[in-house]
Amino acid sequence: MTEKTIEEIKAWFYSKYEDPVKNCPHEKGYQFIWGGPYDAREEIENEFGDVISESLINQVVSELEEQCIEWSGHPN
């Protein structure tokens, strides 16, 4: 259950946010033209904080932050 839940949360997150390297111009830092920068912990806690444990949130955020710390909105 836990791995499936983690993958579902990450799928939700990736449908809304992405690494700014993918679609944001970079001039003296990323230009967050699709919104942001977003914090994975804040966004996941806002969406799922009432229904999943803090330890599960920590695990998901840890995995996401291995990829990126500040996230851009998804251009779609």
Protein backbone atom coordinates (compact mmCIF):
# COMPACT_ATOMS: atom_id res chain seq x y z
CA MET A 1 0.00 0.00 0.00
CA THR A 2 2.70 2.45 0.92
CA GLU A 3 4.68 2.17 -2.34
CA LYS A 4 1.49 2.46 -4.37
CA THR A 5 0.44 5.52 -2.37
CA ILE A 6 3.85 7.12 -2.88
CA GLU A 7 3.67 6.53 -6.62
CA GLU A 8 0.13 7.96 -6.79
CA ILE A 9 1.16 11.10 -4.89
CA LYS A 10 4.20 11.54 -7.12
CA ALA A 11 2.03 11.10 -10.23
CA TRP A 12 -0.33 13.79 -8.93
CA PHE A 13 2.65 16.06 -8.18
CA TYR A 14 4.26 15.54 -11.60
CA SER A 15 0.94 16.34 -13.31
CA LYS A 16 1.05 19.83 -11.76
CA TYR A 17 4.75 20.61 -11.25
CA GLU A 18 8.03 19.95 -12.99
CA ASP A 19 11.74 20.60 -12.71
CA PRO A 20 12.28 24.13 -14.09
CA VAL A 21 15.15 22.87 -16.22
CA LYS A 22 12.54 21.35 -18.57
CA ASN A 23 10.63 24.48 -19.66
CA CYS A 24 11.83 27.59 -17.84
CA PRO A 25 14.27 30.07 -19.33
CA HIS A 26 17.43 30.52 -17.30
CA GLU A 27 18.94 33.96 -17.02
CA LYS A 28 20.60 34.74 -13.69
CA GLY A 29 18.45 31.94 -12.28
CA TYR A 30 15.32 30.24 -13.54
CA GLN A 31 12.47 32.42 -14.74
CA PHE A 32 9.38 30.67 -13.38
CA ILE A 33 7.08 31.60 -16.25
CA TRP A 34 4.65 28.78 -15.37
CA GLY A 35 4.36 29.81 -11.72
CA GLY A 36 6.59 29.06 -8.82
CA PRO A 37 8.94 28.36 -7.40
CA TYR A 38 6.87 25.76 -5.60
CA ASP A 39 7.96 23.74 -2.59
CA ALA A 40 7.12 20.02 -2.79
CA ARG A 41 6.46 19.71 0.96
CA GLU A 42 4.09 22.66 1.01
CA GLU A 43 2.12 21.52 -2.02
CA ILE A 44 1.84 17.89 -0.86
CA GLU A 45 0.88 18.88 2.69
CA ASN A 46 -1.81 21.22 1.33
CA GLU A 47 -3.27 18.49 -0.85
CA PHE A 48 -2.78 15.35 1.25
CA GLY A 49 -1.90 16.48 4.78
CA ASP A 50 -5.30 15.50 6.17
CA VAL A 51 -5.28 11.99 4.73
CA ILE A 52 -1.70 10.66 4.86
CA SER A 53 0.85 10.46 7.65
CA GLU A 54 3.69 12.90 8.16
CA SER A 55 6.19 10.08 7.69
CA LEU A 56 4.71 9.26 4.29
CA ILE A 57 4.85 12.93 3.30
CA ASN A 58 8.49 13.01 4.41
CA GLN A 59 9.29 10.00 2.26
CA VAL A 60 7.63 11.43 -0.85
CA VAL A 61 9.22 14.84 -0.38
CA SER A 62 12.63 13.27 0.17
CA GLU A 63 12.35 11.39 -3.13
CA LEU A 64 11.19 14.49 -4.99
CA GLU A 65 13.91 16.70 -3.51
CA GLU A 66 16.56 14.29 -4.79
CA GLN A 67 15.52 15.54 -8.21
CA CYS A 68 14.78 19.20 -7.54
CA ILE A 69 14.27 21.65 -4.65
CA GLU A 70 12.26 24.41 -6.35
CA TRP A 71 9.56 23.38 -8.80
CA SER A 72 7.89 25.13 -11.69
CA GLY A 73 4.22 24.91 -12.53
CA HIS A 74 3.52 22.47 -15.34
CA PRO A 75 2.96 24.32 -18.64
CA ASN A 76 -0.15 22.25 -19.41
